[in-house]
Amino acid sequence: MRAFVLYDKDGTITSAGVPTATDTGRQALLNQPGTAVAEVELPDLGAYGTATTGQGTGEDLTERLVQVMAEYRVDISSHGTSLVRK
């Protein structure tokens, strides 16, 4: 699953979000001076959603994003932007 993350110069993630379907309205991550936004692939964090749909609830997704923010940082290398464990 892909997500957008807002991060500072040290790679610390300060906010994260998953793009919504086009018909649900607009959402944005607004960066401030000293921050940047990148689209990254979320790591596999174990069970997510139901076995039949593979989709979780909004609360499941929120928990997953909070876990990523706590355990990962953004790494900018010559290979692009990715998440790495802290």
PDB file of N, CA and C in Angstrom:
ATOM      1  N   MET A   1       0.846  -1.163   0.000  1.00  0.00           N
ATOM      2  CA  MET A   1       0.000   0.000   0.000  1.00  0.00           C
ATOM      3  C   MET A   1       0.898   1.234   0.000  1.00  0.00           C
ATOM      4  N   ARG A   2       0.526   2.208  -0.778  1.00  0.00           N
ATOM      5  CA  ARG A   2       1.286   3.449  -0.867  1.00  0.00           C
ATOM      6  C   ARG A   2       0.652   4.497   0.028  1.00  0.00           C
ATOM      7  N   ALA A   3       1.508   5.361   0.564  1.00  0.00           N
ATOM      8  CA  ALA A   3       1.041   6.445   1.428  1.00  0.00           C
ATOM      9  C   ALA A   3       1.902   7.665   1.170  1.00  0.00           C
ATOM     10  N   PHE A   4       1.389   8.813   1.564  1.00  0.00           N
ATOM     11  CA  PHE A   4       2.156  10.044   1.529  1.00  0.00           C
ATOM     12  C   PHE A   4       2.614  10.342   2.949  1.00  0.00           C
ATOM     13  N   VAL A   5       3.875  10.739   3.085  1.00  0.00           N
ATOM     14  CA  VAL A   5       4.413  11.088   4.398  1.00  0.00           C
ATOM     15  C   VAL A   5       5.020  12.487   4.353  1.00  0.00           C
ATOM     16  N   LEU A   6       4.833  13.199   5.425  1.00  0.00           N
ATOM     17  CA  LEU A   6       5.445  14.513   5.625  1.00  0.00           C
ATOM     18  C   LEU A   6       6.599  14.290   6.588  1.00  0.00           C
ATOM     19  N   TYR A   7       7.792  14.760   6.225  1.00  0.00           N
ATOM     20  CA  TYR A   7       8.959  14.481   7.060  1.00  0.00           C
ATOM     21  C   TYR A   7       9.891  15.687   7.106  1.00  0.00           C
ATOM     22  N   ASP A   8      10.750  15.696   8.146  1.00  0.00           N
ATOM     23  CA  ASP A   8      11.692  16.802   8.318  1.00  0.00           C
ATOM     24  C   ASP A   8      13.059  16.426   7.743  1.00  0.00           C
ATOM     25  N   LYS A   9      14.043  17.302   7.921  1.00  0.00           N
ATOM     26  CA  LYS A   9      15.381  17.108   7.344  1.00  0.00           C
ATOM     27  C   LYS A   9      16.084  15.863   7.869  1.00  0.00           C
ATOM     28  N   ASP A  10      15.687  15.377   9.043  1.00  0.00           N
ATOM     29  CA  ASP A  10      16.281  14.178   9.624  1.00  0.00           C
ATOM     30  C   ASP A  10      15.550  12.903   9.212  1.00  0.00           C
ATOM     31  N   GLY A  11      14.478  13.046   8.430  1.00  0.00           N
ATOM     32  CA  GLY A  11      13.700  11.891   8.010  1.00  0.00           C
ATOM     33  C   GLY A  11      12.602  11.513   8.974  1.00  0.00           C
ATOM     34  N   THR A  12      12.408  12.284  10.042  1.00  0.00           N
ATOM     35  CA  THR A  12      11.362  11.999  11.021  1.00  0.00           C
ATOM     36  C   THR A  12      10.001  12.287  10.402  1.00  0.00           C
ATOM     37  N   ILE A  13       9.138  11.304  10.433  1.00  0.00           N
ATOM     38  CA  ILE A  13       7.799  11.446   9.849  1.00  0.00           C
ATOM     39  C   ILE A  13       6.917  12.194  10.838  1.00  0.00           C
ATOM     40  N   THR A  14       6.327  13.284  10.380  1.00  0.00           N
ATOM     41  CA  THR A  14       5.474  14.092  11.245  1.00  0.00           C
ATOM     42  C   THR A  14       4.000  13.923  10.924  1.00  0.00           C
ATOM     43  N   SER A  15       3.695  13.402   9.735  1.00  0.00           N
ATOM     44  CA  SER A  15       2.308  13.170   9.350  1.00  0.00           C
ATOM     45  C   SER A  15       2.295  12.164   8.209  1.00  0.00           C
ATOM     46  N   ALA A  16       1.186  11.433   8.092  1.00  0.00           N
ATOM     47  CA  ALA A  16       1.063  10.438   7.024  1.00  0.00           C
ATOM     48  C   ALA A  16      -0.388  10.320   6.614  1.00  0.00           C
ATOM     49  N   GLY A  17      -0.605   9.951   5.370  1.00  0.00           N
ATOM     50  CA  GLY A  17      -1.966   9.776   4.875  1.00  0.00           C
ATOM     51  C   GLY A  17      -1.983   8.884   3.657  1.00  0.00           C
ATOM     52  N   VAL A  18      -3.122   8.280   3.416  1.00  0.00           N
ATOM     53  CA  VAL A  18      -3.327   7.412   2.269  1.00  0.00           C
ATOM     54  C   VAL A  18      -4.293   8.112   1.329  1.00  0.00           C
ATOM     55  N   PRO A  19      -3.970   8.149   0.033  1.00  0.00           N
ATOM     56  CA  PRO A  19      -4.883   8.805  -0.902  1.00  0.00           C
ATOM     57  C   PRO A  19      -6.269   8.175  -0.862  1.00  0.00           C
ATOM     58  N   THR A  20      -7.279   9.016  -0.951  1.00  0.00           N
ATOM     59  CA  THR A  20      -8.654   8.528  -0.956  1.00  0.00           C
ATOM     60  C   THR A  20      -9.129   8.341  -2.384  1.00  0.00           C
ATOM     61  N   ALA A  21     -10.259   7.695  -2.525  1.00  0.00           N
ATOM     62  CA  ALA A  21     -10.887   7.580  -3.843  1.00  0.00           C
ATOM     63  C   ALA A  21     -11.217   8.981  -4.341  1.00  0.00           C
ATOM     64  N   THR A  22     -11.232   9.158  -5.641  1.00  0.00           N
ATOM     65  CA  THR A  22     -11.406  10.489  -6.214  1.00  0.00           C
ATOM     66  C   THR A  22     -12.748  11.120  -5.891  1.00  0.00           C
ATOM     67  N   ASP A  23     -13.751  10.336  -5.555  1.00  0.00           N
ATOM     68  CA  ASP A  23     -15.076  10.907  -5.317  1.00  0.00           C
ATOM     69  C   ASP A  23     -15.354  11.237  -3.850  1.00  0.00           C
ATOM     70  N   THR A  24     -14.334  11.167  -2.988  1.00  0.00           N
ATOM     71  CA  THR A  24     -14.564  11.407  -1.562  1.00  0.00           C
ATOM     72  C   THR A  24     -14.107  12.782  -1.103  1.00  0.00           C
ATOM     73  N   GLY A  25     -13.710  13.621  -2.008  1.00  0.00           N
ATOM     74  CA  GLY A  25     -13.267  14.953  -1.620  1.00  0.00           C
ATOM     75  C   GLY A  25     -11.764  15.054  -1.637  1.00  0.00           C
ATOM     76  N   ARG A  26     -11.277  16.234  -1.330  1.00  0.00           N
ATOM     77  CA  ARG A  26      -9.841  16.488  -1.382  1.00  0.00           C
ATOM     78  C   ARG A  26      -9.228  16.427   0.000  1.00  0.00           C
ATOM     79  N   GLN A  27      -8.006  15.944   0.045  1.00  0.00           N
ATOM     80  CA  GLN A  27      -7.221  15.928   1.267  1.00  0.00           C
ATOM     81  C   GLN A  27      -5.825  16.404   0.925  1.00  0.00           C
ATOM     82  N   ALA A  28      -5.113  16.905   1.892  1.00  0.00           N
ATOM     83  CA  ALA A  28      -3.768  17.398   1.615  1.00  0.00           C
ATOM     84  C   ALA A  28      -2.875  17.270   2.835  1.00  0.00           C
ATOM     85  N   LEU A  29      -1.592  17.075   2.577  1.00  0.00           N
ATOM     86  CA  LEU A  29      -0.548  17.210   3.585  1.00  0.00           C
ATOM     87  C   LEU A  29       0.168  18.506   3.228  1.00  0.00           C
ATOM     88  N   LEU A  30       0.110  19.464   4.099  1.00  0.00           N
ATOM     89  CA  LEU A  30       0.703  20.761   3.821  1.00  0.00           C
ATOM     90  C   LEU A  30       2.061  20.851   4.494  1.00  0.00           C
ATOM     91  N   ASN A  31       3.088  20.988   3.675  1.00  0.00           N
ATOM     92  CA  ASN A  31       4.406  21.070   4.282  1.00  0.00           C
ATOM     93  C   ASN A  31       4.756  22.510   4.645  1.00  0.00           C
ATOM     94  N   GLN A  32       5.566  22.626   5.654  1.00  0.00           N
ATOM     95  CA  GLN A  32       6.067  23.896   6.158  1.00  0.00           C
ATOM     96  C   GLN A  32       7.539  24.003   5.754  1.00  0.00           C
ATOM     97  N   PRO A  33       8.134  25.181   5.876  1.00  0.00           N
ATOM     98  CA  PRO A  33       9.568  25.285   5.600  1.00  0.00           C
ATOM     99  C   PRO A  33      10.346  24.253   6.428  1.00  0.00           C
ATOM    100  N   GLY A  34      11.265  23.567   5.783  1.00  0.00           N
ATOM    101  CA  GLY A  34      12.061  22.555   6.471  1.00  0.00           C
ATOM    102  C   GLY A  34      11.457  21.165   6.432  1.00  0.00           C
ATOM    103  N   THR A  35      10.318  21.000   5.753  1.00  0.00           N
ATOM    104  CA  THR A  35       9.704  19.684   5.623  1.00  0.00           C
ATOM    105  C   THR A  35       9.480  19.371   4.150  1.00  0.00           C
ATOM    106  N   ALA A  36       9.236  18.108   3.867  1.00  0.00           N
ATOM    107  CA  ALA A  36       8.970  17.662   2.508  1.00  0.00           C
ATOM    108  C   ALA A  36       7.916  16.565   2.541  1.00  0.00           C
ATOM    109  N   VAL A  37       7.302  16.322   1.402  1.00  0.00           N
ATOM    110  CA  VAL A  37       6.297  15.271   1.266  1.00  0.00           C
ATOM    111  C   VAL A  37       6.796  14.270   0.224  1.00  0.00           C
ATOM    112  N   ALA A  38       6.624  12.984   0.519  1.00  0.00           N
ATOM    113  CA  ALA A  38       7.014  11.936  -0.423  1.00  0.00           C
ATOM    114  C   ALA A  38       5.968  10.834  -0.416  1.00  0.00           C
ATOM    115  N   GLU A  39       5.848  10.159  -1.540  1.00  0.00           N
ATOM    116  CA  GLU A  39       4.996   8.977  -1.622  1.00  0.00           C
ATOM    117  C   GLU A  39       5.896   7.763  -1.422  1.00  0.00           C
ATOM    118  N   VAL A  40       5.515   6.889  -0.496  1.00  0.00           N
ATOM    119  CA  VAL A  40       6.328   5.718  -0.156  1.00  0.00           C
ATOM    120  C   VAL A  40       5.453   4.477  -0.091  1.00  0.00           C
ATOM    121  N   GLU A  41       6.099   3.341  -0.177  1.00  0.00           N
ATOM    122  CA  GLU A  41       5.430   2.052   0.005  1.00  0.00           C
ATOM    123  C   GLU A  41       5.456   1.720   1.490  1.00  0.00           C
ATOM    124  N   LEU A  42       4.291   1.435   2.075  1.00  0.00           N
ATOM    125  CA  LEU A  42       4.240   1.080   3.491  1.00  0.00           C
ATOM    126  C   LEU A  42       4.783  -0.331   3.683  1.00  0.00           C
ATOM    127  N   PRO A  43       5.547  -0.547   4.741  1.00  0.00           N
ATOM    128  CA  PRO A  43       6.056  -1.892   5.020  1.00  0.00           C
ATOM    129  C   PRO A  43       4.922  -2.818   5.458  1.00  0.00           C
ATOM    130  N   ASP A  44       5.140  -4.102   5.286  1.00  0.00           N
ATOM    131  CA  ASP A  44       4.168  -5.083   5.746  1.00  0.00           C
ATOM    132  C   ASP A  44       4.258  -5.152   7.263  1.00  0.00           C
ATOM    133  N   LEU A  45       3.175  -4.799   7.937  1.00  0.00           N
ATOM    134  CA  LEU A  45       3.178  -4.764   9.397  1.00  0.00           C
ATOM    135  C   LEU A  45       2.368  -5.899  10.001  1.00  0.00           C
ATOM    136  N   GLY A  46       2.185  -6.946   9.252  1.00  0.00           N
ATOM    137  CA  GLY A  46       1.401  -8.062   9.767  1.00  0.00           C
ATOM    138  C   GLY A  46      -0.034  -7.973   9.299  1.00  0.00           C
ATOM    139  N   ALA A  47      -0.929  -8.576  10.035  1.00  0.00           N
ATOM    140  CA  ALA A  47      -2.330  -8.655   9.641  1.00  0.00           C
ATOM    141  C   ALA A  47      -2.931  -7.270   9.467  1.00  0.00           C
ATOM    142  N   TYR A  48      -3.623  -7.112   8.358  1.00  0.00           N
ATOM    143  CA  TYR A  48      -4.315  -5.863   8.072  1.00  0.00           C
ATOM    144  C   TYR A  48      -5.581  -6.215   7.320  1.00  0.00           C
ATOM    145  N   GLY A  49      -6.705  -5.751   7.805  1.00  0.00           N
ATOM    146  CA  GLY A  49      -7.971  -6.006   7.127  1.00  0.00           C
ATOM    147  C   GLY A  49      -8.477  -7.414   7.364  1.00  0.00           C
ATOM    148  N   THR A  50      -9.473  -7.784   6.593  1.00  0.00           N
ATOM    149  CA  THR A  50     -10.073  -9.109   6.730  1.00  0.00           C
ATOM    150  C   THR A  50      -9.496 -10.051   5.683  1.00  0.00           C
ATOM    151  N   ALA A  51      -9.581 -11.323   5.951  1.00  0.00           N
ATOM    152  CA  ALA A  51      -9.046 -12.312   5.021  1.00  0.00           C
ATOM    153  C   ALA A  51      -9.792 -12.289   3.690  1.00  0.00           C
ATOM    154  N   THR A  52     -11.079 -11.965   3.710  1.00  0.00           N
ATOM    155  CA  THR A  52     -11.859 -12.012   2.481  1.00  0.00           C
ATOM    156  C   THR A  52     -11.675 -10.785   1.602  1.00  0.00           C
ATOM    157  N   THR A  53     -11.494  -9.617   2.193  1.00  0.00           N
ATOM    158  CA  THR A  53     -11.396  -8.406   1.380  1.00  0.00           C
ATOM    159  C   THR A  53      -9.996  -7.810   1.347  1.00  0.00           C
ATOM    160  N   GLY A  54      -9.184  -8.103   2.354  1.00  0.00           N
ATOM    161  CA  GLY A  54      -7.882  -7.477   2.440  1.00  0.00           C
ATOM    162  C   GLY A  54      -7.971  -6.005   2.800  1.00  0.00           C
ATOM    163  N   GLN A  55      -9.156  -5.536   3.097  1.00  0.00           N
ATOM    164  CA  GLN A  55      -9.366  -4.131   3.437  1.00  0.00           C
ATOM    165  C   GLN A  55      -9.628  -3.996   4.925  1.00  0.00           C
ATOM    166  N   GLY A  56      -9.068  -2.996   5.518  1.00  0.00           N
ATOM    167  CA  GLY A  56      -9.289  -2.736   6.927  1.00  0.00           C
ATOM    168  C   GLY A  56     -10.267  -1.598   7.106  1.00  0.00           C
ATOM    169  N   THR A  57     -10.590  -1.326   8.339  1.00  0.00           N
ATOM    170  CA  THR A  57     -11.444  -0.182   8.642  1.00  0.00           C
ATOM    171  C   THR A  57     -10.579   1.068   8.718  1.00  0.00           C
ATOM    172  N   GLY A  58     -11.215   2.208   8.833  1.00  0.00           N
ATOM    173  CA  GLY A  58     -10.470   3.451   9.007  1.00  0.00           C
ATOM    174  C   GLY A  58      -9.596   3.412  10.241  1.00  0.00           C
ATOM    175  N   GLU A  59     -10.101   2.792  11.307  1.00  0.00           N
ATOM    176  CA  GLU A  59      -9.311   2.674  12.533  1.00  0.00           C
ATOM    177  C   GLU A  59      -8.096   1.790  12.318  1.00  0.00           C
ATOM    178  N   ASP A  60      -8.244   0.697  11.550  1.00  0.00           N
ATOM    179  CA  ASP A  60      -7.109  -0.178  11.248  1.00  0.00           C
ATOM    180  C   ASP A  60      -6.024   0.603  10.507  1.00  0.00           C
ATOM    181  N   LEU A  61      -6.442   1.382   9.540  1.00  0.00           N
ATOM    182  CA  LEU A  61      -5.496   2.154   8.741  1.00  0.00           C
ATOM    183  C   LEU A  61      -4.812   3.220   9.591  1.00  0.00           C
ATOM    184  N   THR A  62      -5.572   3.877  10.439  1.00  0.00           N
ATOM    185  CA  THR A  62      -4.990   4.890  11.322  1.00  0.00           C
ATOM    186  C   THR A  62      -3.939   4.258  12.223  1.00  0.00           C
ATOM    187  N   GLU A  63      -4.248   3.106  12.809  1.00  0.00           N
ATOM    188  CA  GLU A  63      -3.288   2.411  13.668  1.00  0.00           C
ATOM    189  C   GLU A  63      -2.032   2.040  12.895  1.00  0.00           C
ATOM    190  N   ARG A  64      -2.208   1.606  11.670  1.00  0.00           N
ATOM    191  CA  ARG A  64      -1.067   1.222  10.836  1.00  0.00           C
ATOM    192  C   ARG A  64      -0.180   2.438  10.552  1.00  0.00           C
ATOM    193  N   LEU A  65      -0.779   3.568  10.217  1.00  0.00           N
ATOM    194  CA  LEU A  65      -0.001   4.775   9.943  1.00  0.00           C
ATOM    195  C   LEU A  65       0.718   5.278  11.188  1.00  0.00           C
ATOM    196  N   VAL A  66       0.063   5.211  12.345  1.00  0.00           N
ATOM    197  CA  VAL A  66       0.696   5.620  13.603  1.00  0.00           C
ATOM    198  C   VAL A  66       1.892   4.714  13.897  1.00  0.00           C
ATOM    199  N   GLN A  67       1.752   3.430  13.643  1.00  0.00           N
ATOM    200  CA  GLN A  67       2.852   2.496  13.867  1.00  0.00           C
ATOM    201  C   GLN A  67       4.029   2.814  12.939  1.00  0.00           C
ATOM    202  N   VAL A  68       3.747   3.110  11.689  1.00  0.00           N
ATOM    203  CA  VAL A  68       4.816   3.471  10.750  1.00  0.00           C
ATOM    204  C   VAL A  68       5.527   4.730  11.223  1.00  0.00           C
ATOM    205  N   MET A  69       4.770   5.733  11.667  1.00  0.00           N
ATOM    206  CA  MET A  69       5.377   6.979  12.142  1.00  0.00           C
ATOM    207  C   MET A  69       6.281   6.737  13.351  1.00  0.00           C
ATOM    208  N   ALA A  70       5.906   5.797  14.210  1.00  0.00           N
ATOM    209  CA  ALA A  70       6.674   5.514  15.421  1.00  0.00           C
ATOM    210  C   ALA A  70       7.923   4.673  15.142  1.00  0.00           C
ATOM    211  N   GLU A  71       7.860   3.788  14.161  1.00  0.00           N
ATOM    212  CA  GLU A  71       8.931   2.813  13.972  1.00  0.00           C
ATOM    213  C   GLU A  71       9.829   3.063  12.768  1.00  0.00           C
ATOM    214  N   TYR A  72       9.466   3.995  11.895  1.00  0.00           N
ATOM    215  CA  TYR A  72      10.219   4.204  10.655  1.00  0.00           C
ATOM    216  C   TYR A  72      10.571   5.676  10.479  1.00  0.00           C
ATOM    217  N   ARG A  73      11.540   5.909   9.611  1.00  0.00           N
ATOM    218  CA  ARG A  73      11.887   7.252   9.184  1.00  0.00           C
ATOM    219  C   ARG A  73      12.080   7.207   7.672  1.00  0.00           C
ATOM    220  N   VAL A  74      12.119   8.379   7.058  1.00  0.00           N
ATOM    221  CA  VAL A  74      12.314   8.463   5.619  1.00  0.00           C
ATOM    222  C   VAL A  74      13.805   8.487   5.319  1.00  0.00           C
ATOM    223  N   ASP A  75      14.217   7.685   4.356  1.00  0.00           N
ATOM    224  CA  ASP A  75      15.608   7.651   3.905  1.00  0.00           C
ATOM    225  C   ASP A  75      15.625   8.111   2.454  1.00  0.00           C
ATOM    226  N   ILE A  76      16.410   9.149   2.197  1.00  0.00           N
ATOM    227  CA  ILE A  76      16.543   9.652   0.836  1.00  0.00           C
ATOM    228  C   ILE A  76      17.917   9.227   0.333  1.00  0.00           C
ATOM    229  N   SER A  77      17.914   8.396  -0.690  1.00  0.00           N
ATOM    230  CA  SER A  77      19.172   7.920  -1.246  1.00  0.00           C
ATOM    231  C   SER A  77      19.128   8.074  -2.756  1.00  0.00           C
ATOM    232  N   SER A  78      20.175   7.633  -3.405  1.00  0.00           N
ATOM    233  CA  SER A  78      20.214   7.708  -4.864  1.00  0.00           C
ATOM    234  C   SER A  78      19.168   6.793  -5.498  1.00  0.00           C
ATOM    235  N   HIS A  79      18.621   5.865  -4.699  1.00  0.00           N
ATOM    236  CA  HIS A  79      17.611   4.936  -5.209  1.00  0.00           C
ATOM    237  C   HIS A  79      16.204   5.462  -5.004  1.00  0.00           C
ATOM    238  N   GLY A  80      16.059   6.652  -4.488  1.00  0.00           N
ATOM    239  CA  GLY A  80      14.747   7.238  -4.249  1.00  0.00           C
ATOM    240  C   GLY A  80      14.431   7.329  -2.768  1.00  0.00           C
ATOM    241  N   THR A  81      13.190   7.653  -2.482  1.00  0.00           N
ATOM    242  CA  THR A  81      12.739   7.820  -1.101  1.00  0.00           C
ATOM    243  C   THR A  81      12.111   6.534  -0.617  1.00  0.00           C
ATOM    244  N   SER A  82      12.502   6.075   0.578  1.00  0.00           N
ATOM    245  CA  SER A  82      11.938   4.855   1.145  1.00  0.00           C
ATOM    246  C   SER A  82      11.874   4.978   2.663  1.00  0.00           C
ATOM    247  N   LEU A  83      11.200   4.035   3.281  1.00  0.00           N
ATOM    248  CA  LEU A  83      11.118   3.985   4.740  1.00  0.00           C
ATOM    249  C   LEU A  83      12.141   2.986   5.255  1.00  0.00           C
ATOM    250  N   VAL A  84      12.801   3.349   6.348  1.00  0.00           N
ATOM    251  CA  VAL A  84      13.733   2.455   7.017  1.00  0.00           C
ATOM    252  C   VAL A  84      13.421   2.470   8.504  1.00  0.00           C
ATOM    253  N   ARG A  85      13.702   1.359   9.175  1.00  0.00           N
ATOM    254  CA  ARG A  85      13.480   1.295  10.628  1.00  0.00           C
ATOM    255  C   ARG A  85      14.385   2.274  11.336  1.00  0.00           C
ATOM    256  N   LYS A  86      13.858   2.854  12.428  1.00  0.00           N
ATOM    257  CA  LYS A  86      14.651   3.786  13.243  1.00  0.00           C
ATOM    258  C   LYS A  86      15.734   3.030  13.973  1.00  0.00           C
TER     259      LYS A  86
END
